[in-house]
Every structure is written in structure tokens, then in C-alpha cells.
Amino acid sequence: MKKLRIFWTGFQEKYSIILILLLLIIISSIINPNFLSPANLANVSRQVSVTVILAFGATILIVCGLIDLSCGSVLALSGLLSVSVYKMTGSLVLAFPVAVLAGVMANLLSAVMVTKYRVPSFIATLAMLAMARGAALLYTRGQNIYQIEGYTVLGQGSILGIPTPLIFLLIFLMITWYILQHTKLGRSFFAIGGNENAAIASGIHTDSCKIWAFVLNGFFVGVAGVLFMSRVNAGLPNAGIGYELHALTAAIIGGTSFSGGIGTAGGTAAGAFIVGFLNNIMNLANVNSYLQQVVRGLIIALAVIYDMRARSKRETGS
């Protein structure tokens, strides 16, 4: 019996998020048979892909003991600059790297504030949230950019019947998994998030690792900006409002510890799909939009409480 209990405890720790996701899918399909229709699943995957890619960046930062509150605003700025370049040149080959460069540069600025001037990442990225949003609104004078039909291939297209955003999601899932699990940099992220003083004592260049964490996050945010603008078929300076909370929620629900040092790419993806499927079934069931906000807030609170309790158990060894 004791061995069975130990096995079940280990199984829960590793696969509980997958079990929750499967249970949600089953319940949702019972509530509304249209939930499992190919069209609905394709629609959900397109919507969730942006959040998942942002959440991968958030996971890397949180594992490293950092946080990003600016990803929604940086998404808007990078996506707008990319759309603008596409309008001028008609070339996705030129427009795509512009978004990535904008995302990386914004995150580098946050990284400098954190590593050189010792500004807490919470404050540094909060400042970036305001700067990036203001820059996006200033650049377009608050106006949307339309007539970008050829740009939509990345957000609305498909390859062999698979939505293009879902393909990007899978690619970034593999990238995040490989970085965290199979690189020295990834191991350094875990060490810094787990105990930064111990990481310094072991010879890890913590500032360099933090800069790399922000750079990777900026890369992910830039790509997410392209996918978002491509999916909505417009350049929106007010895009991505609240997306930083969506990304953090997905990461925390997926098992990333808010205290740092713990997190997986697969768990984050599962967490994002739980939130996405929950939002979708509430829409299909015509749940009041204000009540949906209450439910999302409750999910965040429960996820953080669970994380704090799990952390307390790890520290006490019980």
C-alpha cells in the first residue's frame, strides 16, 4: 500500500496537469458537442498559440527568478512595426525579423535595468509596459493599420490542414523544451531561480544568464506579435492588453513555480490549453463575459495558492 501511495504521488506530480486537461476536454465535449468539431479546435488553437508562445517566454524568465509584465505591450509594438514594414515593402521576409528585433531590443532594455542598475524585474518590465504601449500609440497616432491581406498567411493559413499558428506553437515548444532540459544555459536558469547565491558561488555568470533569458523572451514575444496581427488582419496599437496575465496564468497553472527554479515547456503548453479550452467552452455555453473574468481571476488565485503550498511542502520535506 505504501509503494502504491508513493507511485500515485509521483504520478500526480508529473502528470496531474495532463489529467486535468483531458478531464476538461471530456467535460467540455459533454456540455457542447460542437466543442470537439475540427473547426472549433482549429479556432482555439489559433487563439491559444499566441498565449502559449508568450507563456514559453514567461516560463523561461520565471524559472530564472524573473518576471515580465510588458509582453502584451511589446507584442503590440513589435507587431505594429512588422505590419508597417510589410505595408512599405510587401515582403514577409523583411517584416518578420523586424518584429523579432523589436521584441529583443525592448527586452534587452529591461535586462539592462535588471542586471546593471539592479531594478527588480517586476518594476523594470512594468516601466517597459508603459514605454512600449506609448511607443505603439505614438507611432500610429492611435490609429489601426489596415489592408495587410498578404500578411495574414502566418496567422490564418494552414499547412496540410494544420493551422500555421499551431505549427509555430509546436516549434517553440520544442525550442523551449530543448533549452530548459538539454543546455547548460537552461540548467543555469534553474540554478539561479532555485538559489541565486548558490548559483553565484558555483561560478554561474548570473547577469549574463538573465540577459539571455530576456533575449529569448523578446524573441518569443516578437514572433507572437506577428502571429497576433496576422490573425486579426490589422495592426492594432492596443493589441495584447492583459496578455501578460494570460501568459503568467498559463505558466503557473502548468506547474511553473512563481518562486523560481521549477517549470517545464510541456506543462506550460498544457496550462495554456486549459485556459483556452475553458474560455472556449464558456463562450459556447454563453456564460456572461463578466462572470468569465471572475472565473479567470479565481483560476489565477487558486494556481498561486497551490504553488505556494507545494513550495512549502518541498521546503519542509513533507
Protein backbone atom coordinates (compact mmCIF):
# COMPACT_ATOMS: atom_id res chain seq x y z
CA MET A 1 0.00 0.00 0.00
CA LYS A 2 2.84 2.39 0.82
CA LYS A 3 4.51 1.73 -2.54
CA LEU A 4 1.20 2.33 -4.30
CA ARG A 5 0.77 5.63 -2.45
CA ILE A 6 4.31 6.71 -3.37
CA PHE A 7 3.67 5.74 -7.00
CA TRP A 8 0.39 7.67 -7.10
CA THR A 9 2.01 10.74 -5.51
CA GLY A 10 4.80 10.71 -8.09
CA PHE A 11 2.31 10.15 -10.90
CA GLN A 12 0.23 13.11 -9.77
CA GLU A 13 3.26 15.39 -9.58
CA LYS A 14 4.33 14.50 -13.12
CA TYR A 15 1.04 14.14 -14.97
CA SER A 16 -1.66 15.94 -12.96
CA ILE A 17 -1.79 18.82 -15.44
CA ILE A 18 -2.34 16.39 -18.34
CA LEU A 19 -5.10 14.61 -16.42
CA ILE A 20 -6.79 17.95 -15.73
CA LEU A 21 -6.57 18.87 -19.41
CA LEU A 22 -8.08 15.55 -20.50
CA LEU A 23 -10.85 15.85 -17.91
CA LEU A 24 -11.64 19.37 -19.12
CA ILE A 25 -11.84 18.15 -22.73
CA ILE A 26 -14.24 15.35 -21.76
CA ILE A 27 -16.48 17.64 -19.70
CA SER A 28 -16.47 20.33 -22.40
CA SER A 29 -17.46 17.82 -25.10
CA ILE A 30 -20.39 16.71 -22.92
CA ILE A 31 -21.53 20.30 -22.30
CA ASN A 32 -21.40 21.17 -26.00
CA PRO A 33 -20.91 18.55 -28.76
CA ASN A 34 -19.53 21.26 -31.06
CA PHE A 35 -16.50 21.60 -28.79
CA LEU A 36 -14.64 18.75 -30.49
CA SER A 37 -15.53 19.82 -34.02
CA PRO A 38 -12.44 20.35 -36.24
CA ALA A 39 -13.46 23.95 -36.92
CA ASN A 40 -13.73 24.79 -33.21
CA LEU A 41 -10.48 23.06 -32.31
CA ALA A 42 -8.69 24.87 -35.15
CA ASN A 43 -10.11 28.18 -33.92
CA VAL A 44 -8.99 27.50 -30.34
CA SER A 45 -5.50 26.51 -31.49
CA ARG A 46 -5.14 29.77 -33.43
CA GLN A 47 -6.25 31.79 -30.40
CA VAL A 48 -4.17 29.88 -27.87
CA SER A 49 -0.96 29.78 -29.93
CA VAL A 50 -0.11 33.42 -29.22
CA THR A 51 -0.67 32.95 -25.49
CA VAL A 52 1.38 29.74 -25.42
CA ILE A 53 4.37 31.32 -27.16
CA LEU A 54 4.23 34.24 -24.72
CA ALA A 55 3.92 31.74 -21.87
CA PHE A 56 7.05 29.90 -23.00
CA GLY A 57 8.98 33.15 -22.65
CA ALA A 58 7.36 33.78 -19.28
CA THR A 59 8.34 30.26 -18.16
CA ILE A 60 12.00 30.82 -19.01
CA LEU A 61 12.02 34.08 -17.06
CA ILE A 62 10.15 32.71 -14.05
CA VAL A 63 12.42 29.64 -13.89
CA CYS A 64 15.30 32.13 -13.74
CA GLY A 65 13.61 34.04 -10.91
CA LEU A 66 12.41 36.90 -13.13
CA ILE A 67 9.05 38.15 -14.40
CA ASP A 68 7.79 40.04 -17.46
CA LEU A 69 4.78 42.35 -17.19
CA SER A 70 5.43 44.02 -20.54
CA CYS A 71 4.90 41.22 -23.07
CA GLY A 72 1.43 42.43 -24.10
CA SER A 73 2.69 45.94 -24.87
CA VAL A 74 5.88 44.71 -26.55
CA LEU A 75 3.74 42.33 -28.63
CA ALA A 76 1.74 45.33 -29.87
CA LEU A 77 4.84 47.41 -30.67
CA SER A 78 6.74 44.61 -32.43
CA GLY A 79 3.66 43.52 -34.37
CA LEU A 80 2.92 47.10 -35.47
CA LEU A 81 6.47 47.69 -36.70
CA SER A 82 6.33 44.42 -38.61
CA VAL A 83 3.00 45.34 -40.22
CA SER A 84 4.35 48.77 -41.12
CA VAL A 85 7.39 47.27 -42.84
CA TYR A 86 5.13 44.86 -44.72
CA LYS A 87 2.95 47.76 -45.89
CA MET A 88 6.03 49.54 -47.22
CA THR A 89 7.79 46.57 -48.81
CA GLY A 90 5.18 43.85 -49.30
CA SER A 91 7.77 41.37 -48.01
CA LEU A 92 7.19 39.00 -45.08
CA VAL A 93 10.87 38.10 -45.25
CA LEU A 94 11.68 41.65 -44.16
CA ALA A 95 8.67 42.20 -41.90
CA PHE A 96 9.13 39.09 -39.74
CA PRO A 97 12.65 39.82 -38.42
CA VAL A 98 11.64 43.42 -37.65
CA ALA A 99 9.15 42.14 -35.08
CA VAL A 100 11.74 39.80 -33.57
CA LEU A 101 14.33 42.60 -33.40
CA ALA A 102 11.84 44.95 -31.72
CA GLY A 103 10.94 42.31 -29.14
CA VAL A 104 14.57 41.54 -28.40
CA MET A 105 15.61 45.20 -28.12
CA ALA A 106 12.74 46.01 -25.72
CA ASN A 107 13.69 43.04 -23.54
CA LEU A 108 17.37 43.97 -23.67
CA LEU A 109 16.47 47.33 -22.21
CA SER A 110 14.60 45.57 -19.41
CA ALA A 111 17.59 43.27 -18.92
CA VAL A 112 19.96 46.23 -18.58
CA MET A 113 17.74 47.77 -15.92
CA VAL A 114 17.68 44.46 -14.04
CA THR A 115 21.34 43.46 -14.31
CA LYS A 116 23.23 46.77 -14.38
CA TYR A 117 21.03 49.00 -12.25
CA ARG A 118 19.56 46.22 -10.06
CA VAL A 119 15.98 47.23 -10.72
CA PRO A 120 13.60 44.40 -9.76
CA SER A 121 12.27 42.72 -12.90
CA PHE A 122 8.73 43.50 -11.74
CA ILE A 123 9.46 47.24 -11.83
CA ALA A 124 11.67 47.17 -14.92
CA THR A 125 9.09 45.37 -17.06
CA LEU A 126 6.27 47.47 -15.61
CA ALA A 127 8.14 50.51 -16.92
CA MET A 128 8.62 48.75 -20.27
CA LEU A 129 4.89 48.02 -20.38
CA ALA A 130 4.18 51.76 -20.30
CA MET A 131 7.00 52.68 -22.70
CA ALA A 132 6.19 50.07 -25.33
CA ARG A 133 2.46 50.83 -25.27
CA GLY A 134 3.13 54.54 -25.50
CA ALA A 135 5.55 54.00 -28.39
CA ALA A 136 2.96 51.88 -30.24
CA LEU A 137 0.27 54.52 -29.83
CA LEU A 138 2.68 57.33 -30.71
CA TYR A 139 3.88 55.53 -33.85
CA THR A 140 0.37 55.10 -35.23
CA ARG A 141 -1.17 58.15 -33.51
CA GLY A 142 -3.64 55.74 -32.00
CA GLN A 143 -4.89 54.57 -35.40
CA ASN A 144 -5.13 50.99 -36.62
CA ILE A 145 -3.27 49.83 -39.74
CA TYR A 146 -5.46 48.03 -42.28
CA GLN A 147 -5.17 46.46 -45.75
CA ILE A 148 -2.49 43.89 -44.92
CA GLU A 149 -4.20 40.92 -46.59
CA GLY A 150 -0.97 39.14 -47.66
CA TYR A 151 0.32 39.38 -44.10
CA THR A 152 -2.43 37.08 -42.82
CA VAL A 153 -0.86 33.89 -44.19
CA LEU A 154 1.03 33.29 -40.93
CA GLY A 155 -1.92 33.74 -38.57
CA GLN A 156 -4.78 32.45 -40.71
CA GLY A 157 -3.11 29.98 -43.07
CA SER A 158 -2.58 26.26 -42.75
CA ILE A 159 -0.14 23.61 -43.96
CA LEU A 160 -1.53 20.16 -44.77
CA GLY A 161 -4.66 21.11 -42.84
CA ILE A 162 -2.71 22.13 -39.72
CA PRO A 163 -3.20 25.80 -38.69
CA THR A 164 0.04 27.72 -39.14
CA PRO A 165 -0.04 29.19 -35.60
CA LEU A 166 -0.23 25.65 -34.22
CA ILE A 167 2.90 24.75 -36.20
CA PHE A 168 4.68 27.76 -34.66
CA LEU A 169 3.46 26.62 -31.23
CA LEU A 170 4.94 23.14 -31.70
CA ILE A 171 8.24 24.58 -32.95
CA PHE A 172 8.55 26.86 -29.92
CA LEU A 173 7.51 24.04 -27.62
CA MET A 174 10.49 22.05 -28.87
CA ILE A 175 12.82 25.06 -28.63
CA THR A 176 11.77 25.81 -25.03
CA TRP A 177 11.96 22.15 -24.01
CA TYR A 178 15.44 21.78 -25.50
CA ILE A 179 16.77 24.97 -23.89
CA LEU A 180 15.46 24.13 -20.43
CA GLN A 181 16.27 20.42 -20.42
CA HIS A 182 19.32 19.96 -22.63
CA THR A 183 21.51 23.06 -22.47
CA LYS A 184 23.96 24.48 -19.95
CA LEU A 185 22.09 27.78 -20.18
CA GLY A 186 18.84 26.09 -19.21
CA ARG A 187 20.47 24.40 -16.21
CA SER A 188 21.83 27.78 -15.19
CA PHE A 189 18.31 29.25 -15.33
CA PHE A 190 17.08 26.59 -12.89
CA ALA A 191 20.07 27.14 -10.61
CA ILE A 192 19.58 30.92 -10.49
CA GLY A 193 15.86 30.63 -9.85
CA GLY A 194 16.37 27.98 -7.19
CA ASN A 195 19.08 29.82 -5.25
CA GLU A 196 20.89 32.73 -6.86
CA ASN A 197 23.58 32.98 -4.17
CA ALA A 198 24.40 29.30 -4.57
CA ALA A 199 24.49 29.75 -8.35
CA ILE A 200 26.99 32.61 -8.00
CA ALA A 201 29.11 30.51 -5.64
CA SER A 202 29.16 27.69 -8.18
CA GLY A 203 30.59 30.01 -10.83
CA ILE A 204 27.49 30.81 -12.88
CA HIS A 205 27.52 34.26 -14.52
CA THR A 206 24.06 35.16 -13.33
CA ASP A 207 23.81 38.53 -15.07
CA SER A 208 24.69 37.02 -18.46
CA CYS A 209 22.12 34.27 -17.95
CA LYS A 210 19.45 36.81 -17.03
CA ILE A 211 20.22 38.80 -20.17
CA TRP A 212 19.86 35.63 -22.24
CA ALA A 213 16.55 34.88 -20.54
CA PHE A 214 15.24 38.30 -21.53
CA VAL A 215 16.60 37.94 -25.08
CA LEU A 216 14.82 34.61 -25.53
CA ASN A 217 11.64 36.11 -24.13
CA GLY A 218 11.94 39.03 -26.55
CA PHE A 219 12.34 36.62 -29.47
CA PHE A 220 9.20 34.76 -28.44
CA VAL A 221 7.22 37.98 -27.92
CA GLY A 222 8.24 39.29 -31.35
CA VAL A 223 7.02 36.13 -33.08
CA ALA A 224 3.79 36.26 -31.06
CA GLY A 225 3.30 39.85 -32.25
CA VAL A 226 3.48 38.75 -35.88
CA LEU A 227 1.02 35.89 -35.33
CA PHE A 228 -1.41 38.14 -33.46
CA MET A 229 -1.51 40.89 -36.10
CA SER A 230 -1.65 38.31 -38.86
CA ARG A 231 -4.61 36.55 -37.25
CA VAL A 232 -6.67 39.73 -36.73
CA ASN A 233 -5.68 41.11 -40.18
CA ALA A 234 -4.70 44.54 -38.82
CA GLY A 235 -2.02 46.42 -36.95
CA LEU A 236 -3.56 47.32 -33.58
CA PRO A 237 -1.70 49.65 -31.18
CA ASN A 238 -3.98 48.45 -28.36
CA ALA A 239 -3.29 44.77 -29.07
CA GLY A 240 -2.23 42.42 -26.31
CA ILE A 241 -3.75 44.26 -23.35
CA GLY A 242 -3.81 41.80 -20.46
CA TYR A 243 -1.81 39.17 -22.34
CA GLU A 244 0.94 39.31 -19.74
CA LEU A 245 -1.59 37.93 -17.25
CA HIS A 246 -2.64 35.21 -19.71
CA ALA A 247 0.98 34.16 -20.15
CA LEU A 248 1.69 34.13 -16.41
CA THR A 249 -1.53 32.22 -15.73
CA ALA A 250 -0.65 29.55 -18.30
CA ALA A 251 2.84 29.14 -16.86
CA ILE A 252 1.69 28.92 -13.23
CA ILE A 253 -1.19 26.54 -13.98
CA GLY A 254 1.30 24.45 -15.96
CA GLY A 255 3.42 23.92 -12.86
CA THR A 256 6.00 26.70 -13.14
CA SER A 257 6.81 27.81 -9.61
CA PHE A 258 6.36 31.54 -9.07
CA SER A 259 9.32 31.40 -6.68
CA GLY A 260 11.60 30.22 -9.49
CA GLY A 261 13.66 27.14 -10.22
CA ILE A 262 10.79 24.89 -11.40
CA GLY A 263 9.00 24.73 -14.75
CA THR A 264 8.56 22.74 -17.96
CA ALA A 265 7.63 23.60 -21.53
CA GLY A 266 5.06 20.81 -21.72
CA GLY A 267 3.38 21.88 -18.51
CA THR A 268 3.13 25.47 -19.71
CA ALA A 269 1.56 24.37 -23.01
CA ALA A 270 -0.97 22.24 -21.13
CA GLY A 271 -1.74 25.13 -18.79
CA ALA A 272 -2.37 27.47 -21.71
CA PHE A 273 -4.71 24.98 -23.38
CA ILE A 274 -6.61 24.53 -20.12
CA VAL A 275 -7.24 28.27 -20.01
CA GLY A 276 -8.01 28.37 -23.74
CA PHE A 277 -10.44 25.45 -23.62
CA LEU A 278 -12.11 26.87 -20.52
CA ASN A 279 -12.62 30.24 -22.22
CA ASN A 280 -13.93 28.48 -25.33
CA ILE A 281 -16.48 26.30 -23.53
CA MET A 282 -17.70 29.31 -21.53
CA ASN A 283 -18.25 31.16 -24.81
CA LEU A 284 -20.03 28.18 -26.36
CA ALA A 285 -22.21 27.92 -23.24
CA ASN A 286 -22.99 31.67 -23.43
CA VAL A 287 -21.55 32.37 -19.98
CA ASN A 288 -21.71 36.07 -19.10
CA SER A 289 -18.46 37.81 -20.10
CA TYR A 290 -18.16 39.48 -16.68
CA LEU A 291 -18.51 36.12 -14.97
CA GLN A 292 -15.78 34.76 -17.24
CA GLN A 293 -13.42 37.41 -15.85
CA VAL A 294 -14.31 36.29 -12.31
CA VAL A 295 -13.56 32.67 -13.25
CA ARG A 296 -10.19 33.60 -14.78
CA GLY A 297 -9.24 35.59 -11.68
CA LEU A 298 -10.25 32.68 -9.47
CA ILE A 299 -8.08 30.33 -11.53
CA ILE A 300 -5.07 32.62 -11.04
CA ALA A 301 -5.66 32.78 -7.28
CA LEU A 302 -6.05 29.01 -6.95
CA ALA A 303 -2.95 28.35 -9.07
CA VAL A 304 -0.79 30.67 -6.94
CA ILE A 305 -2.17 29.20 -3.69
CA TYR A 306 -1.39 25.70 -4.96
CA ASP A 307 2.11 26.78 -5.94
CA MET A 308 2.76 28.31 -2.51
CA ARG A 309 1.52 25.18 -0.73
CA ALA A 310 3.65 22.95 -2.96
CA ARG A 311 6.67 25.15 -2.27
CA SER A 312 6.05 24.94 1.48
CA LYS A 313 5.90 21.13 1.28
CA ARG A 314 9.15 20.99 -0.68
CA GLU A 315 10.92 23.21 1.85
CA THR A 316 9.71 21.17 4.83
CA GLY A 317 10.31 17.87 3.02
CA SER A 318 6.82 16.61 3.76
